[in-house]
Amino acid sequence: MTWLPYVLIVGIALFGGIATMIIGNSKANQTSNPEYDRRTKQNLRKLSYVYVGAIVLGFGGLILYLFN
Protein backbone atom coordinates (compact mmCIF):
# COMPACT_ATOMS: atom_id res chain seq x y z
CA MET A 1 0.00 0.00 0.00
CA THR A 2 2.98 2.35 0.15
CA TRP A 3 2.77 2.81 -3.63
CA LEU A 4 -0.82 4.15 -3.56
CA PRO A 5 0.09 7.83 -2.92
CA TYR A 6 2.57 7.75 -5.80
CA VAL A 7 0.00 6.26 -8.16
CA LEU A 8 -2.52 8.92 -7.13
CA ILE A 9 -0.06 11.77 -7.64
CA VAL A 10 1.08 10.51 -11.04
CA GLY A 11 -2.52 9.84 -12.09
CA ILE A 12 -3.67 13.33 -11.12
CA ALA A 13 -0.69 14.91 -12.87
CA LEU A 14 -1.34 12.93 -16.06
CA PHE A 15 -5.03 13.78 -15.97
CA GLY A 16 -4.25 17.48 -15.51
CA GLY A 17 -1.69 17.50 -18.29
CA ILE A 18 -3.95 15.71 -20.76
CA ALA A 19 -6.93 17.92 -19.87
CA THR A 20 -4.79 21.03 -20.35
CA MET A 21 -3.67 19.85 -23.80
CA ILE A 22 -7.25 19.03 -24.85
CA ILE A 23 -8.58 22.41 -23.70
CA GLY A 24 -5.65 24.29 -25.24
CA ASN A 25 -6.20 22.67 -28.62
CA SER A 26 -10.00 22.96 -28.63
CA LYS A 27 -11.72 24.93 -31.37
CA ALA A 28 -13.38 27.27 -28.86
CA ASN A 29 -9.97 28.13 -27.41
CA GLN A 30 -8.54 28.99 -30.84
CA THR A 31 -10.95 31.89 -31.42
CA SER A 32 -10.15 35.25 -29.85
CA ASN A 33 -12.34 36.59 -27.06
CA PRO A 34 -12.02 40.38 -26.67
CA GLU A 35 -13.87 40.31 -23.31
CA TYR A 36 -11.22 37.97 -21.91
CA ASP A 37 -8.45 40.27 -23.13
CA ARG A 38 -10.05 43.25 -21.36
CA ARG A 39 -10.23 41.39 -18.03
CA THR A 40 -6.59 40.29 -17.91
CA LYS A 41 -5.88 41.83 -14.49
CA GLN A 42 -8.96 40.22 -12.92
CA ASN A 43 -8.15 36.86 -14.52
CA LEU A 44 -4.57 36.93 -13.24
CA ARG A 45 -5.78 37.80 -9.74
CA LYS A 46 -8.15 34.82 -9.72
CA LEU A 47 -5.42 32.53 -11.02
CA SER A 48 -3.04 33.79 -8.34
CA TYR A 49 -5.61 32.91 -5.66
CA VAL A 50 -5.84 29.39 -7.06
CA TYR A 51 -2.05 29.01 -6.99
CA VAL A 52 -1.78 30.37 -3.44
CA GLY A 53 -4.49 27.95 -2.31
CA ALA A 54 -2.76 25.04 -4.01
CA ILE A 55 0.57 25.93 -2.40
CA VAL A 56 -1.00 26.24 1.06
CA LEU A 57 -2.77 22.90 0.67
CA GLY A 58 0.40 21.32 -0.68
CA PHE A 59 2.48 22.49 2.26
CA GLY A 60 -0.26 21.40 4.64
CA GLY A 61 -0.22 17.94 3.10
CA LEU A 62 3.56 17.81 3.29
CA ILE A 63 3.52 18.76 6.97
CA LEU A 64 0.89 16.11 7.70
CA TYR A 65 2.97 13.54 5.81
CA LEU A 66 6.20 14.42 7.59
CA PHE A 67 4.77 14.44 11.11
CA ASN A 68 2.58 11.33 10.88
PDB file of N, CA and C in Angstrom:
ATOM      1  N   MET A   1       0.797  -1.201   0.000  1.00  0.00           N
ATOM      2  CA  MET A   1       0.000   0.000   0.000  1.00  0.00           C
ATOM      3  C   MET A   1       0.842   1.270   0.000  1.00  0.00           C
ATOM      4  N   THR A   2       2.144   1.155   0.140  1.00  0.00           N
ATOM      5  CA  THR A   2       2.975   2.353   0.148  1.00  0.00           C
ATOM      6  C   THR A   2       3.070   2.988  -1.235  1.00  0.00           C
ATOM      7  N   TRP A   3       2.694   2.263  -2.272  1.00  0.00           N
ATOM      8  CA  TRP A   3       2.767   2.808  -3.634  1.00  0.00           C
ATOM      9  C   TRP A   3       1.521   3.593  -4.002  1.00  0.00           C
ATOM     10  N   LEU A   4       0.443   3.494  -3.230  1.00  0.00           N
ATOM     11  CA  LEU A   4      -0.817   4.154  -3.561  1.00  0.00           C
ATOM     12  C   LEU A   4      -0.693   5.678  -3.685  1.00  0.00           C
ATOM     13  N   PRO A   5      -0.031   6.373  -2.755  1.00  0.00           N
ATOM     14  CA  PRO A   5       0.095   7.832  -2.920  1.00  0.00           C
ATOM     15  C   PRO A   5       0.821   8.222  -4.209  1.00  0.00           C
ATOM     16  N   TYR A   6       1.822   7.439  -4.583  1.00  0.00           N
ATOM     17  CA  TYR A   6       2.565   7.753  -5.804  1.00  0.00           C
ATOM     18  C   TYR A   6       1.692   7.564  -7.036  1.00  0.00           C
ATOM     19  N   VAL A   7       0.903   6.505  -7.040  1.00  0.00           N
ATOM     20  CA  VAL A   7       0.000   6.260  -8.164  1.00  0.00           C
ATOM     21  C   VAL A   7      -1.025   7.386  -8.261  1.00  0.00           C
ATOM     22  N   LEU A   8      -1.555   7.829  -7.124  1.00  0.00           N
ATOM     23  CA  LEU A   8      -2.523   8.920  -7.131  1.00  0.00           C
ATOM     24  C   LEU A   8      -1.907  10.212  -7.656  1.00  0.00           C
ATOM     25  N   ILE A   9      -0.719  10.534  -7.207  1.00  0.00           N
ATOM     26  CA  ILE A   9      -0.064  11.771  -7.643  1.00  0.00           C
ATOM     27  C   ILE A   9       0.226  11.730  -9.140  1.00  0.00           C
ATOM     28  N   VAL A  10       0.775  10.625  -9.611  1.00  0.00           N
ATOM     29  CA  VAL A  10       1.084  10.511 -11.041  1.00  0.00           C
ATOM     30  C   VAL A  10      -0.201  10.530 -11.856  1.00  0.00           C
ATOM     31  N   GLY A  11      -1.243   9.859 -11.371  1.00  0.00           N
ATOM     32  CA  GLY A  11      -2.524   9.841 -12.087  1.00  0.00           C
ATOM     33  C   GLY A  11      -3.142  11.222 -12.193  1.00  0.00           C
ATOM     34  N   ILE A  12      -3.120  11.970 -11.099  1.00  0.00           N
ATOM     35  CA  ILE A  12      -3.672  13.327 -11.118  1.00  0.00           C
ATOM     36  C   ILE A  12      -2.859  14.224 -12.044  1.00  0.00           C
ATOM     37  N   ALA A  13      -1.543  14.098 -12.003  1.00  0.00           N
ATOM     38  CA  ALA A  13      -0.685  14.907 -12.868  1.00  0.00           C
ATOM     39  C   ALA A  13      -0.930  14.588 -14.344  1.00  0.00           C
ATOM     40  N   LEU A  14      -1.055  13.305 -14.672  1.00  0.00           N
ATOM     41  CA  LEU A  14      -1.337  12.926 -16.056  1.00  0.00           C
ATOM     42  C   LEU A  14      -2.701  13.444 -16.503  1.00  0.00           C
ATOM     43  N   PHE A  15      -3.704  13.293 -15.644  1.00  0.00           N
ATOM     44  CA  PHE A  15      -5.034  13.780 -15.971  1.00  0.00           C
ATOM     45  C   PHE A  15      -5.011  15.285 -16.224  1.00  0.00           C
ATOM     46  N   GLY A  16      -4.343  16.033 -15.349  1.00  0.00           N
ATOM     47  CA  GLY A  16      -4.254  17.485 -15.507  1.00  0.00           C
ATOM     48  C   GLY A  16      -3.526  17.889 -16.779  1.00  0.00           C
ATOM     49  N   GLY A  17      -2.441  17.192 -17.072  1.00  0.00           N
ATOM     50  CA  GLY A  17      -1.692  17.496 -18.289  1.00  0.00           C
ATOM     51  C   GLY A  17      -2.479  17.210 -19.546  1.00  0.00           C
ATOM     52  N   ILE A  18      -3.147  16.070 -19.586  1.00  0.00           N
ATOM     53  CA  ILE A  18      -3.949  15.710 -20.760  1.00  0.00           C
ATOM     54  C   ILE A  18      -5.126  16.663 -20.918  1.00  0.00           C
ATOM     55  N   ALA A  19      -5.804  16.984 -19.803  1.00  0.00           N
ATOM     56  CA  ALA A  19      -6.932  17.916 -19.867  1.00  0.00           C
ATOM     57  C   ALA A  19      -6.481  19.287 -20.357  1.00  0.00           C
ATOM     58  N   THR A  20      -5.317  19.739 -19.907  1.00  0.00           N
ATOM     59  CA  THR A  20      -4.788  21.030 -20.355  1.00  0.00           C
ATOM     60  C   THR A  20      -4.525  21.021 -21.853  1.00  0.00           C
ATOM     61  N   MET A  21      -3.943  19.945 -22.366  1.00  0.00           N
ATOM     62  CA  MET A  21      -3.673  19.849 -23.804  1.00  0.00           C
ATOM     63  C   MET A  21      -4.971  19.830 -24.611  1.00  0.00           C
ATOM     64  N   ILE A  22      -5.970  19.109 -24.135  1.00  0.00           N
ATOM     65  CA  ILE A  22      -7.247  19.032 -24.854  1.00  0.00           C
ATOM     66  C   ILE A  22      -7.913  20.407 -24.892  1.00  0.00           C
ATOM     67  N   ILE A  23      -7.953  21.086 -23.751  1.00  0.00           N
ATOM     68  CA  ILE A  23      -8.582  22.408 -23.701  1.00  0.00           C
ATOM     69  C   ILE A  23      -7.794  23.411 -24.542  1.00  0.00           C
ATOM     70  N   GLY A  24      -6.477  23.359 -24.472  1.00  0.00           N
ATOM     71  CA  GLY A  24      -5.650  24.289 -25.235  1.00  0.00           C
ATOM     72  C   GLY A  24      -5.792  24.137 -26.726  1.00  0.00           C
ATOM     73  N   ASN A  25      -6.067  22.920 -27.192  1.00  0.00           N
ATOM     74  CA  ASN A  25      -6.197  22.673 -28.623  1.00  0.00           C
ATOM     75  C   ASN A  25      -7.642  22.657 -29.107  1.00  0.00           C
ATOM     76  N   SER A  26      -8.593  22.980 -28.229  1.00  0.00           N
ATOM     77  CA  SER A  26     -10.000  22.959 -28.627  1.00  0.00           C
ATOM     78  C   SER A  26     -10.304  24.109 -29.582  1.00  0.00           C
ATOM     79  N   LYS A  27     -11.337  23.921 -30.393  1.00  0.00           N
ATOM     80  CA  LYS A  27     -11.715  24.931 -31.375  1.00  0.00           C
ATOM     81  C   LYS A  27     -12.163  26.214 -30.682  1.00  0.00           C
ATOM     82  N   ALA A  28     -12.906  26.083 -29.581  1.00  0.00           N
ATOM     83  CA  ALA A  28     -13.376  27.268 -28.862  1.00  0.00           C
ATOM     84  C   ALA A  28     -12.212  28.077 -28.299  1.00  0.00           C
ATOM     85  N   ASN A  29     -11.130  27.429 -27.961  1.00  0.00           N
ATOM     86  CA  ASN A  29      -9.971  28.131 -27.411  1.00  0.00           C
ATOM     87  C   ASN A  29      -9.141  28.812 -28.495  1.00  0.00           C
ATOM     88  N   GLN A  30      -9.317  28.407 -29.742  1.00  0.00           N
ATOM     89  CA  GLN A  30      -8.540  28.986 -30.837  1.00  0.00           C
ATOM     90  C   GLN A  30      -9.078  30.350 -31.266  1.00  0.00           C
ATOM     91  N   THR A  31     -10.363  30.610 -31.016  1.00  0.00           N
ATOM     92  CA  THR A  31     -10.946  31.892 -31.415  1.00  0.00           C
ATOM     93  C   THR A  31     -10.655  32.931 -30.337  1.00  0.00           C
ATOM     94  N   SER A  32     -10.479  34.163 -30.764  1.00  0.00           N
ATOM     95  CA  SER A  32     -10.154  35.247 -29.848  1.00  0.00           C
ATOM     96  C   SER A  32     -11.412  35.724 -29.128  1.00  0.00           C
ATOM     97  N   ASN A  33     -11.243  36.069 -27.855  1.00  0.00           N
ATOM     98  CA  ASN A  33     -12.340  36.591 -27.060  1.00  0.00           C
ATOM     99  C   ASN A  33     -11.923  37.951 -26.523  1.00  0.00           C
ATOM    100  N   PRO A  34     -12.441  39.039 -27.111  1.00  0.00           N
ATOM    101  CA  PRO A  34     -12.017  40.377 -26.668  1.00  0.00           C
ATOM    102  C   PRO A  34     -12.374  40.667 -25.213  1.00  0.00           C
ATOM    103  N   GLU A  35     -13.476  40.099 -24.716  1.00  0.00           N
ATOM    104  CA  GLU A  35     -13.869  40.312 -23.314  1.00  0.00           C
ATOM    105  C   GLU A  35     -12.811  39.727 -22.374  1.00  0.00           C
ATOM    106  N   TYR A  36     -12.273  38.584 -22.728  1.00  0.00           N
ATOM    107  CA  TYR A  36     -11.217  37.968 -21.910  1.00  0.00           C
ATOM    108  C   TYR A  36      -9.974  38.851 -21.903  1.00  0.00           C
ATOM    109  N   ASP A  37      -9.635  39.410 -23.049  1.00  0.00           N
ATOM    110  CA  ASP A  37      -8.455  40.273 -23.134  1.00  0.00           C
ATOM    111  C   ASP A  37      -8.614  41.533 -22.286  1.00  0.00           C
ATOM    112  N   ARG A  38      -9.819  42.044 -22.158  1.00  0.00           N
ATOM    113  CA  ARG A  38     -10.052  43.247 -21.362  1.00  0.00           C
ATOM    114  C   ARG A  38      -9.970  42.964 -19.859  1.00  0.00           C
ATOM    115  N   ARG A  39     -10.203  41.735 -19.454  1.00  0.00           N
ATOM    116  CA  ARG A  39     -10.227  41.389 -18.032  1.00  0.00           C
ATOM    117  C   ARG A  39      -8.942  40.692 -17.586  1.00  0.00           C
ATOM    118  N   THR A  40      -7.842  40.984 -18.201  1.00  0.00           N
ATOM    119  CA  THR A  40      -6.593  40.289 -17.912  1.00  0.00           C
ATOM    120  C   THR A  40      -6.198  40.419 -16.440  1.00  0.00           C
ATOM    121  N   LYS A  41      -6.289  41.614 -15.883  1.00  0.00           N
ATOM    122  CA  LYS A  41      -5.879  41.826 -14.488  1.00  0.00           C
ATOM    123  C   LYS A  41      -6.751  40.999 -13.535  1.00  0.00           C
ATOM    124  N   GLN A  42      -8.055  41.001 -13.766  1.00  0.00           N
ATOM    125  CA  GLN A  42      -8.965  40.222 -12.923  1.00  0.00           C
ATOM    126  C   GLN A  42      -8.689  38.727 -13.069  1.00  0.00           C
ATOM    127  N   ASN A  43      -8.427  38.274 -14.286  1.00  0.00           N
ATOM    128  CA  ASN A  43      -8.150  36.856 -14.516  1.00  0.00           C
ATOM    129  C   ASN A  43      -6.857  36.430 -13.828  1.00  0.00           C
ATOM    130  N   LEU A  44      -5.834  37.262 -13.891  1.00  0.00           N
ATOM    131  CA  LEU A  44      -4.569  36.933 -13.240  1.00  0.00           C
ATOM    132  C   LEU A  44      -4.716  36.913 -11.724  1.00  0.00           C
ATOM    133  N   ARG A  45      -5.547  37.795 -11.179  1.00  0.00           N
ATOM    134  CA  ARG A  45      -5.777  37.801  -9.736  1.00  0.00           C
ATOM    135  C   ARG A  45      -6.457  36.501  -9.304  1.00  0.00           C
ATOM    136  N   LYS A  46      -7.459  36.065 -10.051  1.00  0.00           N
ATOM    137  CA  LYS A  46      -8.145  34.816  -9.723  1.00  0.00           C
ATOM    138  C   LYS A  46      -7.186  33.627  -9.821  1.00  0.00           C
ATOM    139  N   LEU A  47      -6.381  33.612 -10.854  1.00  0.00           N
ATOM    140  CA  LEU A  47      -5.422  32.531 -11.023  1.00  0.00           C
ATOM    141  C   LEU A  47      -4.393  32.527  -9.898  1.00  0.00           C
ATOM    142  N   SER A  48      -3.986  33.700  -9.460  1.00  0.00           N
ATOM    143  CA  SER A  48      -3.040  33.790  -8.341  1.00  0.00           C
ATOM    144  C   SER A  48      -3.653  33.212  -7.073  1.00  0.00           C
ATOM    145  N   TYR A  49      -4.940  33.478  -6.831  1.00  0.00           N
ATOM    146  CA  TYR A  49      -5.614  32.910  -5.661  1.00  0.00           C
ATOM    147  C   TYR A  49      -5.616  31.385  -5.724  1.00  0.00           C
ATOM    148  N   VAL A  50      -5.841  30.844  -6.905  1.00  0.00           N
ATOM    149  CA  VAL A  50      -5.841  29.389  -7.064  1.00  0.00           C
ATOM    150  C   VAL A  50      -4.456  28.829  -6.740  1.00  0.00           C
ATOM    151  N   TYR A  51      -3.411  29.485  -7.254  1.00  0.00           N
ATOM    152  CA  TYR A  51      -2.052  29.007  -6.990  1.00  0.00           C
ATOM    153  C   TYR A  51      -1.688  29.122  -5.511  1.00  0.00           C
ATOM    154  N   VAL A  52      -2.066  30.217  -4.868  1.00  0.00           N
ATOM    155  CA  VAL A  52      -1.777  30.372  -3.444  1.00  0.00           C
ATOM    156  C   VAL A  52      -2.491  29.275  -2.649  1.00  0.00           C
ATOM    157  N   GLY A  53      -3.753  29.019  -2.990  1.00  0.00           N
ATOM    158  CA  GLY A  53      -4.492  27.952  -2.310  1.00  0.00           C
ATOM    159  C   GLY A  53      -3.843  26.595  -2.505  1.00  0.00           C
ATOM    160  N   ALA A  54      -3.402  26.318  -3.724  1.00  0.00           N
ATOM    161  CA  ALA A  54      -2.759  25.036  -4.012  1.00  0.00           C
ATOM    162  C   ALA A  54      -1.447  24.899  -3.239  1.00  0.00           C
ATOM    163  N   ILE A  55      -0.698  25.981  -3.138  1.00  0.00           N
ATOM    164  CA  ILE A  55       0.571  25.931  -2.404  1.00  0.00           C
ATOM    165  C   ILE A  55       0.317  25.707  -0.920  1.00  0.00           C
ATOM    166  N   VAL A  56      -0.675  26.416  -0.357  1.00  0.00           N
ATOM    167  CA  VAL A  56      -0.996  26.241   1.061  1.00  0.00           C
ATOM    168  C   VAL A  56      -1.435  24.805   1.333  1.00  0.00           C
ATOM    169  N   LEU A  57      -2.329  24.282   0.492  1.00  0.00           N
ATOM    170  CA  LEU A  57      -2.775  22.899   0.670  1.00  0.00           C
ATOM    171  C   LEU A  57      -1.625  21.911   0.489  1.00  0.00           C
ATOM    172  N   GLY A  58      -0.748  22.190  -0.464  1.00  0.00           N
ATOM    173  CA  GLY A  58       0.403  21.318  -0.679  1.00  0.00           C
ATOM    174  C   GLY A  58       1.331  21.278   0.517  1.00  0.00           C
ATOM    175  N   PHE A  59       1.633  22.455   1.081  1.00  0.00           N
ATOM    176  CA  PHE A  59       2.485  22.489   2.264  1.00  0.00           C
ATOM    177  C   PHE A  59       1.792  21.836   3.451  1.00  0.00           C
ATOM    178  N   GLY A  60       0.484  22.048   3.560  1.00  0.00           N
ATOM    179  CA  GLY A  60      -0.258  21.396   4.637  1.00  0.00           C
ATOM    180  C   GLY A  60      -0.185  19.883   4.529  1.00  0.00           C
ATOM    181  N   GLY A  61      -0.343  19.377   3.318  1.00  0.00           N
ATOM    182  CA  GLY A  61      -0.222  17.940   3.101  1.00  0.00           C
ATOM    183  C   GLY A  61       1.178  17.436   3.396  1.00  0.00           C
ATOM    184  N   LEU A  62       2.173  18.205   3.011  1.00  0.00           N
ATOM    185  CA  LEU A  62       3.557  17.813   3.287  1.00  0.00           C
ATOM    186  C   LEU A  62       3.817  17.759   4.791  1.00  0.00           C
ATOM    187  N   ILE A  63       3.331  18.745   5.516  1.00  0.00           N
ATOM    188  CA  ILE A  63       3.519  18.760   6.970  1.00  0.00           C
ATOM    189  C   ILE A  63       2.822  17.561   7.606  1.00  0.00           C
ATOM    190  N   LEU A  64       1.596  17.273   7.175  1.00  0.00           N
ATOM    191  CA  LEU A  64       0.893  16.111   7.703  1.00  0.00           C
ATOM    192  C   LEU A  64       1.653  14.823   7.409  1.00  0.00           C
ATOM    193  N   TYR A  65       2.210  14.737   6.212  1.00  0.00           N
ATOM    194  CA  TYR A  65       2.967  13.543   5.811  1.00  0.00           C
ATOM    195  C   TYR A  65       4.236  13.398   6.652  1.00  0.00           C
ATOM    196  N   LEU A  66       4.937  14.493   6.866  1.00  0.00           N
ATOM    197  CA  LEU A  66       6.199  14.418   7.588  1.00  0.00           C
ATOM    198  C   LEU A  66       6.022  14.123   9.075  1.00  0.00           C
ATOM    199  N   PHE A  67       4.935  14.595   9.673  1.00  0.00           N
ATOM    200  CA  PHE A  67       4.767  14.439  11.106  1.00  0.00           C
ATOM    201  C   PHE A  67       3.841  13.286  11.506  1.00  0.00           C
ATOM    202  N   ASN A  68       3.395  12.516  10.550  1.00  0.00           N
ATOM    203  CA  ASN A  68       2.579  11.332  10.876  1.00  0.00           C
ATOM    204  C   ASN A  68       3.353  10.060  10.679  1.00  0.00           C
TER     205      ASN A  68
END
